[in-house]
Amino acid sequence: MKFEDVYKYTKNLSLLYVEDEADVRDSTASLLQNYFHEVILAKNGEEGLLLYEESLKSKPFDIVITDINMPRLSGIDMVKQIRALCAQQSVIFISAHHEKDFLLEAIKLGVNYYIIKPIDLQELSTVLYQVAQNISNKCSVEKQLEEEKKECKKMSVTKKHLNIGRA
């Protein structure tokens, strides 16, 4: 997957990246900042949840990427709480854990993707492309529906206006 293909869909998006290992967080964040308009970092699930809740006051994050096994609040528990706030939130797990229990929990939570560490850059690019493209398609459909609603309102007003003169 070429950078330009991914960037076309990610350049206007915001991302919350939650990772407790500082070196992994810093190196992955420097890569993610090339793709996204905004990348916000959290060092554990508790901090990630607080930042997510804060984002709901203005503009929610488009994508949340999180580790699973972290202090204070695990990625799984954080995503459960995020899902309670916004069921449609796009979420990607990146974890060293590939045991069946973690994978099943991710499926139950409706996580978009599950990437095993160490992160393969090609896999990450492909996943970002797919998630961002889905967000773009969803936004296009929502925009089209909004325009159709406006057109229906105009038609309704015009119809009422035309019926006023008849009696």
N, C-alpha and C. Protein backbone atom coordinates (compact mmCIF):
# COMPACT_ATOMS: atom_id res chain seq x y z
N MET A 1 0.85 -1.18 0.00
CA MET A 1 0.00 0.00 0.00
C MET A 1 0.90 1.24 0.00
N LYS A 2 0.68 2.11 -0.97
CA LYS A 2 1.49 3.32 -1.07
C LYS A 2 1.01 4.39 -0.08
N PHE A 3 1.96 5.15 0.42
CA PHE A 3 1.66 6.23 1.37
C PHE A 3 0.57 7.16 0.82
N GLU A 4 0.69 7.57 -0.43
CA GLU A 4 -0.25 8.52 -1.04
C GLU A 4 -1.68 7.99 -1.02
N ASP A 5 -1.83 6.68 -1.23
CA ASP A 5 -3.16 6.07 -1.23
C ASP A 5 -3.80 6.16 0.16
N VAL A 6 -3.00 5.88 1.16
CA VAL A 6 -3.50 5.94 2.54
C VAL A 6 -3.75 7.39 2.95
N TYR A 7 -2.80 8.25 2.66
CA TYR A 7 -2.87 9.66 3.07
C TYR A 7 -4.10 10.36 2.49
N LYS A 8 -4.51 9.97 1.32
CA LYS A 8 -5.71 10.54 0.68
C LYS A 8 -6.92 10.45 1.62
N TYR A 9 -7.01 9.36 2.37
CA TYR A 9 -8.15 9.15 3.27
C TYR A 9 -7.89 9.57 4.71
N THR A 10 -6.62 9.61 5.13
CA THR A 10 -6.32 9.88 6.54
C THR A 10 -5.95 11.33 6.84
N LYS A 11 -5.63 12.11 5.81
CA LYS A 11 -5.04 13.44 6.03
C LYS A 11 -5.91 14.40 6.83
N ASN A 12 -7.22 14.21 6.83
CA ASN A 12 -8.11 15.11 7.58
C ASN A 12 -8.66 14.48 8.85
N LEU A 13 -8.15 13.31 9.20
CA LEU A 13 -8.69 12.58 10.34
C LEU A 13 -7.86 12.80 11.60
N SER A 14 -8.52 12.58 12.74
CA SER A 14 -7.84 12.65 14.04
C SER A 14 -7.75 11.25 14.63
N LEU A 15 -6.70 11.05 15.42
CA LEU A 15 -6.43 9.72 15.96
C LEU A 15 -6.01 9.81 17.41
N LEU A 16 -6.52 8.92 18.23
CA LEU A 16 -6.07 8.75 19.60
C LEU A 16 -5.26 7.46 19.64
N TYR A 17 -3.99 7.57 20.07
CA TYR A 17 -3.12 6.41 20.14
C TYR A 17 -2.77 6.17 21.61
N VAL A 18 -3.13 4.97 22.12
CA VAL A 18 -2.95 4.64 23.54
C VAL A 18 -1.97 3.47 23.64
N GLU A 19 -0.81 3.73 24.26
CA GLU A 19 0.25 2.72 24.38
C GLU A 19 1.05 3.04 25.63
N ASP A 20 1.25 2.02 26.49
CA ASP A 20 1.96 2.25 27.74
C ASP A 20 3.49 2.21 27.60
N GLU A 21 4.02 1.53 26.62
CA GLU A 21 5.47 1.46 26.43
C GLU A 21 5.94 2.71 25.70
N ALA A 22 6.72 3.54 26.39
CA ALA A 22 7.12 4.86 25.87
C ALA A 22 7.86 4.77 24.54
N ASP A 23 8.79 3.83 24.40
CA ASP A 23 9.55 3.76 23.14
C ASP A 23 8.66 3.33 21.97
N VAL A 24 7.77 2.38 22.20
CA VAL A 24 6.82 1.96 21.16
C VAL A 24 5.87 3.10 20.82
N ARG A 25 5.37 3.77 21.86
CA ARG A 25 4.44 4.89 21.67
C ARG A 25 5.09 5.99 20.84
N ASP A 26 6.32 6.36 21.18
CA ASP A 26 7.00 7.45 20.48
C ASP A 26 7.32 7.11 19.03
N SER A 27 7.83 5.90 18.80
CA SER A 27 8.20 5.53 17.43
C SER A 27 6.97 5.35 16.55
N THR A 28 5.93 4.75 17.08
CA THR A 28 4.70 4.56 16.29
C THR A 28 4.01 5.90 16.07
N ALA A 29 4.03 6.76 17.06
CA ALA A 29 3.40 8.08 16.93
C ALA A 29 4.09 8.90 15.84
N SER A 30 5.41 8.82 15.77
CA SER A 30 6.11 9.59 14.74
C SER A 30 5.71 9.10 13.35
N LEU A 31 5.44 7.84 13.20
CA LEU A 31 4.95 7.31 11.92
C LEU A 31 3.52 7.77 11.67
N LEU A 32 2.65 7.64 12.67
CA LEU A 32 1.24 8.01 12.51
C LEU A 32 1.06 9.49 12.19
N GLN A 33 1.94 10.34 12.72
CA GLN A 33 1.83 11.78 12.47
C GLN A 33 2.04 12.13 11.00
N ASN A 34 2.67 11.25 10.24
CA ASN A 34 2.80 11.46 8.80
C ASN A 34 1.47 11.27 8.07
N TYR A 35 0.59 10.48 8.65
CA TYR A 35 -0.67 10.14 8.01
C TYR A 35 -1.84 11.04 8.39
N PHE A 36 -1.89 11.44 9.66
CA PHE A 36 -3.09 12.07 10.21
C PHE A 36 -2.94 13.56 10.46
N HIS A 37 -4.08 14.24 10.39
CA HIS A 37 -4.14 15.67 10.70
C HIS A 37 -3.77 15.90 12.16
N GLU A 38 -4.25 15.01 13.02
CA GLU A 38 -4.01 15.16 14.45
C GLU A 38 -3.80 13.79 15.08
N VAL A 39 -2.75 13.66 15.88
CA VAL A 39 -2.48 12.43 16.63
C VAL A 39 -2.29 12.83 18.09
N ILE A 40 -3.16 12.30 18.95
CA ILE A 40 -3.09 12.56 20.38
C ILE A 40 -2.65 11.27 21.07
N LEU A 41 -1.72 11.40 22.02
CA LEU A 41 -1.14 10.24 22.68
C LEU A 41 -1.60 10.11 24.12
N ALA A 42 -1.77 8.86 24.55
CA ALA A 42 -2.08 8.55 25.95
C ALA A 42 -1.19 7.39 26.37
N LYS A 43 -0.78 7.41 27.65
CA LYS A 43 0.15 6.39 28.13
C LYS A 43 -0.53 5.20 28.83
N ASN A 44 -1.84 5.26 29.00
CA ASN A 44 -2.59 4.13 29.56
C ASN A 44 -4.08 4.30 29.23
N GLY A 45 -4.84 3.26 29.50
CA GLY A 45 -6.26 3.28 29.18
C GLY A 45 -7.05 4.35 29.92
N GLU A 46 -6.67 4.61 31.16
CA GLU A 46 -7.35 5.63 31.94
C GLU A 46 -7.19 7.02 31.30
N GLU A 47 -5.95 7.35 30.93
CA GLU A 47 -5.68 8.63 30.28
C GLU A 47 -6.36 8.66 28.90
N GLY A 48 -6.32 7.54 28.19
CA GLY A 48 -6.97 7.46 26.89
C GLY A 48 -8.46 7.72 26.98
N LEU A 49 -9.12 7.14 27.98
CA LEU A 49 -10.56 7.33 28.16
C LEU A 49 -10.87 8.79 28.48
N LEU A 50 -10.06 9.41 29.34
CA LEU A 50 -10.27 10.82 29.68
C LEU A 50 -10.14 11.71 28.43
N LEU A 51 -9.12 11.45 27.62
CA LEU A 51 -8.93 12.22 26.40
C LEU A 51 -10.09 11.98 25.43
N TYR A 52 -10.56 10.75 25.36
CA TYR A 52 -11.69 10.44 24.48
C TYR A 52 -12.95 11.19 24.93
N GLU A 53 -13.23 11.13 26.23
CA GLU A 53 -14.41 11.83 26.77
C GLU A 53 -14.32 13.33 26.50
N GLU A 54 -13.13 13.89 26.65
CA GLU A 54 -12.91 15.32 26.38
C GLU A 54 -13.18 15.64 24.91
N SER A 55 -12.77 14.75 24.01
CA SER A 55 -12.97 14.99 22.58
C SER A 55 -14.44 15.03 22.19
N LEU A 56 -15.29 14.38 22.96
CA LEU A 56 -16.72 14.35 22.66
C LEU A 56 -17.37 15.73 22.82
N LYS A 57 -16.71 16.63 23.55
CA LYS A 57 -17.23 17.98 23.76
C LYS A 57 -17.09 18.84 22.51
N SER A 58 -16.16 18.48 21.63
CA SER A 58 -15.98 19.27 20.41
C SER A 58 -16.04 18.36 19.18
N LYS A 59 -14.96 17.69 18.88
CA LYS A 59 -14.93 16.78 17.73
C LYS A 59 -14.31 15.46 18.18
N PRO A 60 -15.10 14.39 18.17
CA PRO A 60 -14.57 13.08 18.58
C PRO A 60 -13.46 12.59 17.65
N PHE A 61 -12.61 11.75 18.18
CA PHE A 61 -11.55 11.15 17.37
C PHE A 61 -12.19 10.30 16.28
N ASP A 62 -11.58 10.29 15.11
CA ASP A 62 -12.06 9.46 14.03
C ASP A 62 -11.66 8.00 14.25
N ILE A 63 -10.45 7.79 14.78
CA ILE A 63 -9.93 6.44 15.00
C ILE A 63 -9.23 6.38 16.36
N VAL A 64 -9.42 5.26 17.04
CA VAL A 64 -8.70 4.98 18.28
C VAL A 64 -7.84 3.74 18.02
N ILE A 65 -6.53 3.87 18.28
CA ILE A 65 -5.62 2.73 18.22
C ILE A 65 -5.11 2.52 19.63
N THR A 66 -5.20 1.29 20.12
CA THR A 66 -4.81 1.04 21.50
C THR A 66 -4.14 -0.31 21.68
N ASP A 67 -3.21 -0.33 22.63
CA ASP A 67 -2.64 -1.58 23.12
C ASP A 67 -3.72 -2.23 24.00
N ILE A 68 -3.52 -3.48 24.36
CA ILE A 68 -4.50 -4.16 25.22
C ILE A 68 -4.05 -4.17 26.67
N ASN A 69 -2.85 -4.70 26.92
CA ASN A 69 -2.37 -4.89 28.28
C ASN A 69 -1.64 -3.64 28.77
N MET A 70 -2.35 -2.83 29.59
CA MET A 70 -1.78 -1.58 30.10
C MET A 70 -2.14 -1.40 31.56
N PRO A 71 -1.37 -0.61 32.29
CA PRO A 71 -1.70 -0.32 33.70
C PRO A 71 -2.93 0.58 33.79
N ARG A 72 -3.52 0.60 34.97
CA ARG A 72 -4.66 1.44 35.34
C ARG A 72 -5.97 1.02 34.67
N LEU A 73 -5.97 0.89 33.34
CA LEU A 73 -7.18 0.47 32.63
C LEU A 73 -6.71 -0.20 31.34
N SER A 74 -7.12 -1.44 31.15
CA SER A 74 -6.68 -2.16 29.95
C SER A 74 -7.33 -1.56 28.71
N GLY A 75 -6.75 -1.86 27.56
CA GLY A 75 -7.33 -1.41 26.30
C GLY A 75 -8.72 -1.97 26.10
N ILE A 76 -8.93 -3.21 26.52
CA ILE A 76 -10.25 -3.84 26.39
C ILE A 76 -11.27 -3.09 27.23
N ASP A 77 -10.93 -2.81 28.49
CA ASP A 77 -11.87 -2.09 29.36
C ASP A 77 -12.10 -0.66 28.87
N MET A 78 -11.05 -0.03 28.35
CA MET A 78 -11.21 1.32 27.80
C MET A 78 -12.17 1.29 26.62
N VAL A 79 -12.01 0.33 25.71
CA VAL A 79 -12.87 0.25 24.53
C VAL A 79 -14.31 -0.07 24.93
N LYS A 80 -14.51 -0.88 25.95
CA LYS A 80 -15.87 -1.14 26.44
C LYS A 80 -16.54 0.18 26.83
N GLN A 81 -15.81 1.03 27.53
CA GLN A 81 -16.37 2.31 27.96
C GLN A 81 -16.55 3.27 26.78
N ILE A 82 -15.63 3.23 25.83
CA ILE A 82 -15.77 4.06 24.63
C ILE A 82 -17.00 3.63 23.85
N ARG A 83 -17.20 2.32 23.71
CA ARG A 83 -18.37 1.80 22.99
C ARG A 83 -19.68 2.25 23.66
N ALA A 84 -19.67 2.36 24.99
CA ALA A 84 -20.86 2.84 25.70
C ALA A 84 -21.15 4.30 25.35
N LEU A 85 -20.10 5.06 25.05
CA LEU A 85 -20.26 6.47 24.69
C LEU A 85 -20.55 6.65 23.20
N CYS A 86 -19.93 5.81 22.38
CA CYS A 86 -20.06 5.93 20.93
C CYS A 86 -19.89 4.54 20.31
N ALA A 87 -21.00 3.89 20.05
CA ALA A 87 -20.98 2.51 19.56
C ALA A 87 -20.29 2.36 18.21
N GLN A 88 -20.26 3.42 17.41
CA GLN A 88 -19.71 3.34 16.06
C GLN A 88 -18.24 3.72 15.96
N GLN A 89 -17.59 3.98 17.08
CA GLN A 89 -16.19 4.41 17.06
C GLN A 89 -15.29 3.39 16.37
N SER A 90 -14.46 3.84 15.44
CA SER A 90 -13.48 2.96 14.78
C SER A 90 -12.33 2.69 15.74
N VAL A 91 -12.03 1.41 15.96
CA VAL A 91 -11.01 1.01 16.92
C VAL A 91 -10.10 -0.05 16.30
N ILE A 92 -8.80 0.12 16.53
CA ILE A 92 -7.79 -0.84 16.11
C ILE A 92 -6.99 -1.24 17.35
N PHE A 93 -6.89 -2.55 17.60
CA PHE A 93 -6.02 -3.04 18.67
C PHE A 93 -4.66 -3.36 18.06
N ILE A 94 -3.61 -2.96 18.76
CA ILE A 94 -2.24 -3.37 18.44
C ILE A 94 -1.69 -3.99 19.72
N SER A 95 -1.37 -5.28 19.67
CA SER A 95 -0.98 -5.95 20.89
C SER A 95 -0.01 -7.10 20.63
N ALA A 96 0.79 -7.40 21.64
CA ALA A 96 1.67 -8.56 21.57
C ALA A 96 0.88 -9.83 21.88
N HIS A 97 -0.34 -9.66 22.41
CA HIS A 97 -1.16 -10.81 22.79
C HIS A 97 -1.96 -11.32 21.59
N HIS A 98 -1.81 -12.60 21.33
CA HIS A 98 -2.59 -13.19 20.26
C HIS A 98 -3.31 -14.45 20.74
N GLU A 99 -3.52 -14.53 22.05
CA GLU A 99 -4.26 -15.65 22.62
C GLU A 99 -5.73 -15.54 22.22
N LYS A 100 -6.37 -16.68 22.17
CA LYS A 100 -7.77 -16.77 21.75
C LYS A 100 -8.69 -15.86 22.56
N ASP A 101 -8.49 -15.77 23.87
CA ASP A 101 -9.37 -14.97 24.73
C ASP A 101 -9.34 -13.49 24.34
N PHE A 102 -8.15 -12.96 24.04
CA PHE A 102 -8.04 -11.56 23.62
C PHE A 102 -8.71 -11.33 22.28
N LEU A 103 -8.50 -12.27 21.36
CA LEU A 103 -9.11 -12.14 20.03
C LEU A 103 -10.63 -12.21 20.12
N LEU A 104 -11.15 -13.12 20.92
CA LEU A 104 -12.61 -13.25 21.07
C LEU A 104 -13.21 -11.99 21.71
N GLU A 105 -12.51 -11.44 22.69
CA GLU A 105 -12.99 -10.21 23.33
C GLU A 105 -13.01 -9.06 22.32
N ALA A 106 -11.99 -8.98 21.48
CA ALA A 106 -11.93 -7.94 20.45
C ALA A 106 -13.11 -8.10 19.48
N ILE A 107 -13.43 -9.33 19.12
CA ILE A 107 -14.57 -9.58 18.22
C ILE A 107 -15.86 -9.14 18.89
N LYS A 108 -16.04 -9.49 20.15
CA LYS A 108 -17.25 -9.10 20.90
C LYS A 108 -17.41 -7.58 20.94
N LEU A 109 -16.29 -6.88 21.04
CA LEU A 109 -16.32 -5.41 21.11
C LEU A 109 -16.51 -4.76 19.74
N GLY A 110 -16.45 -5.56 18.69
CA GLY A 110 -16.62 -5.01 17.34
C GLY A 110 -15.43 -4.19 16.89
N VAL A 111 -14.24 -4.56 17.36
CA VAL A 111 -13.03 -3.85 16.96
C VAL A 111 -12.81 -4.03 15.47
N ASN A 112 -12.39 -2.97 14.79
CA ASN A 112 -12.22 -3.03 13.34
C ASN A 112 -11.07 -3.95 12.92
N TYR A 113 -9.94 -3.85 13.62
CA TYR A 113 -8.77 -4.67 13.28
C TYR A 113 -7.96 -4.98 14.53
N TYR A 114 -7.18 -6.04 14.44
CA TYR A 114 -6.33 -6.49 15.53
C TYR A 114 -4.96 -6.79 14.92
N ILE A 115 -3.98 -5.98 15.25
CA ILE A 115 -2.63 -6.12 14.70
C ILE A 115 -1.71 -6.65 15.80
N ILE A 116 -0.94 -7.68 15.45
CA ILE A 116 0.00 -8.28 16.40
C ILE A 116 1.35 -7.56 16.33
N LYS A 117 1.92 -7.27 17.53
CA LYS A 117 3.26 -6.69 17.60
C LYS A 117 4.29 -7.77 17.34
N PRO A 118 5.44 -7.45 16.81
CA PRO A 118 5.86 -6.12 16.37
C PRO A 118 5.06 -5.69 15.14
N ILE A 119 4.84 -4.39 15.04
CA ILE A 119 4.00 -3.84 14.00
C ILE A 119 4.68 -3.97 12.63
N ASP A 120 3.96 -4.57 11.71
CA ASP A 120 4.40 -4.64 10.33
C ASP A 120 3.87 -3.38 9.63
N LEU A 121 4.75 -2.55 9.11
CA LEU A 121 4.34 -1.26 8.54
C LEU A 121 3.39 -1.41 7.36
N GLN A 122 3.60 -2.44 6.56
CA GLN A 122 2.70 -2.66 5.41
C GLN A 122 1.30 -3.03 5.90
N GLU A 123 1.23 -3.88 6.93
CA GLU A 123 -0.06 -4.26 7.49
C GLU A 123 -0.75 -3.03 8.11
N LEU A 124 0.01 -2.24 8.85
CA LEU A 124 -0.56 -1.04 9.45
C LEU A 124 -1.10 -0.09 8.38
N SER A 125 -0.35 0.11 7.31
CA SER A 125 -0.80 0.99 6.22
C SER A 125 -2.09 0.47 5.60
N THR A 126 -2.16 -0.83 5.38
CA THR A 126 -3.36 -1.42 4.79
C THR A 126 -4.56 -1.26 5.70
N VAL A 127 -4.36 -1.50 6.99
CA VAL A 127 -5.44 -1.36 7.97
C VAL A 127 -5.90 0.10 8.05
N LEU A 128 -4.97 1.04 8.12
CA LEU A 128 -5.33 2.46 8.17
C LEU A 128 -6.11 2.86 6.93
N TYR A 129 -5.68 2.38 5.78
CA TYR A 129 -6.37 2.66 4.52
C TYR A 129 -7.81 2.17 4.58
N GLN A 130 -8.00 0.93 5.01
CA GLN A 130 -9.34 0.34 5.04
C GLN A 130 -10.26 1.05 6.04
N VAL A 131 -9.75 1.34 7.21
CA VAL A 131 -10.56 2.01 8.23
C VAL A 131 -10.90 3.44 7.78
N ALA A 132 -9.90 4.17 7.29
CA ALA A 132 -10.13 5.55 6.85
C ALA A 132 -11.05 5.60 5.64
N GLN A 133 -10.94 4.65 4.74
CA GLN A 133 -11.82 4.61 3.58
C GLN A 133 -13.26 4.35 4.03
N ASN A 134 -13.46 3.47 5.00
CA ASN A 134 -14.80 3.22 5.55
C ASN A 134 -15.38 4.49 6.18
N ILE A 135 -14.56 5.23 6.90
CA ILE A 135 -15.01 6.48 7.50
C ILE A 135 -15.40 7.47 6.41
N SER A 136 -14.60 7.57 5.38
CA SER A 136 -14.87 8.48 4.26
C SER A 136 -16.18 8.10 3.57
N ASN A 137 -16.37 6.81 3.32
CA ASN A 137 -17.60 6.36 2.67
C ASN A 137 -18.82 6.65 3.54
N LYS A 138 -18.70 6.43 4.84
CA LYS A 138 -19.79 6.70 5.77
C LYS A 138 -20.13 8.20 5.77
N CYS A 139 -19.10 9.04 5.77
CA CYS A 139 -19.32 10.50 5.75
C CYS A 139 -19.99 10.92 4.45
N SER A 140 -19.60 10.31 3.34
CA SER A 140 -20.21 10.64 2.05
C SER A 140 -21.69 10.28 2.03
N VAL A 141 -22.02 9.13 2.56
CA VAL A 141 -23.42 8.69 2.63
C VAL A 141 -24.22 9.62 3.53
N GLU A 142 -23.65 9.98 4.70
CA GLU A 142 -24.34 10.88 5.62
C GLU A 142 -24.57 12.24 4.98
N LYS A 143 -23.59 12.75 4.25
CA LYS A 143 -23.71 14.03 3.57
C LYS A 143 -24.80 13.96 2.50
N GLN A 144 -24.83 12.87 1.76
CA GLN A 144 -25.84 12.70 0.72
C GLN A 144 -27.24 12.63 1.32
N LEU A 145 -27.39 11.92 2.43
CA LEU A 145 -28.69 11.85 3.10
C LEU A 145 -29.13 13.22 3.60
N GLU A 146 -28.19 13.99 4.12
CA GLU A 146 -28.51 15.34 4.60
C GLU A 146 -28.97 16.23 3.45
N GLU A 147 -28.31 16.13 2.31
CA GLU A 147 -28.70 16.91 1.14
C GLU A 147 -30.08 16.49 0.64
N GLU A 148 -30.37 15.19 0.69
CA GLU A 148 -31.70 14.71 0.27
C GLU A 148 -32.77 15.21 1.22
N LYS A 149 -32.49 15.27 2.52
CA LYS A 149 -33.45 15.81 3.48
C LYS A 149 -33.74 17.27 3.18
N LYS A 150 -32.70 18.05 2.88
CA LYS A 150 -32.88 19.46 2.55
C LYS A 150 -33.74 19.61 1.29
N GLU A 151 -33.48 18.77 0.30
CA GLU A 151 -34.24 18.83 -0.95
C GLU A 151 -35.71 18.47 -0.70
N CYS A 152 -35.95 17.49 0.15
CA CYS A 152 -37.33 17.12 0.49
C CYS A 152 -38.04 18.26 1.20
N LYS A 153 -37.34 18.95 2.08
CA LYS A 153 -37.94 20.10 2.78
C LYS A 153 -38.29 21.19 1.79
N LYS A 154 -37.39 21.46 0.84
CA LYS A 154 -37.66 22.47 -0.18
C LYS A 154 -38.89 22.11 -0.99
N MET A 155 -38.98 20.83 -1.37
CA MET A 155 -40.12 20.38 -2.15
C MET A 155 -41.41 20.49 -1.35
N SER A 156 -41.34 20.19 -0.08
CA SER A 156 -42.51 20.28 0.79
C SER A 156 -42.97 21.73 0.93
N VAL A 157 -42.03 22.64 1.12
CA VAL A 157 -42.36 24.07 1.22
C VAL A 157 -42.95 24.56 -0.10
N THR A 158 -42.37 24.17 -1.21
CA THR A 158 -42.88 24.57 -2.52
C THR A 158 -44.28 24.03 -2.73
N LYS A 159 -44.51 22.79 -2.36
CA LYS A 159 -45.83 22.17 -2.51
C LYS A 159 -46.86 22.92 -1.67
N LYS A 160 -46.52 23.26 -0.44
CA LYS A 160 -47.43 24.01 0.44
C LYS A 160 -47.72 25.37 -0.18
N HIS A 161 -46.68 26.01 -0.70
CA HIS A 161 -46.83 27.32 -1.31
C HIS A 161 -47.77 27.24 -2.51
N LEU A 162 -47.65 26.23 -3.31
CA LEU A 162 -48.52 26.06 -4.49
C LEU A 162 -49.95 25.75 -4.10
N ASN A 163 -50.14 25.07 -3.00
CA ASN A 163 -51.50 24.73 -2.54
C ASN A 163 -52.20 25.89 -1.87
N ILE A 164 -51.48 26.92 -1.46
CA ILE A 164 -52.09 28.05 -0.75
C ILE A 164 -53.08 28.77 -1.64
N GLY A 165 -52.75 28.94 -2.90
CA GLY A 165 -53.63 29.69 -3.81
C GLY A 165 -54.87 28.93 -4.23
N ARG A 166 -54.97 27.68 -3.94
CA ARG A 166 -56.13 26.85 -4.35
C ARG A 166 -57.13 26.78 -3.20
N ALA A 167 -58.35 26.96 -3.51
CA ALA A 167 -59.37 26.78 -2.48
C ALA A 167 -60.72 26.63 -3.10
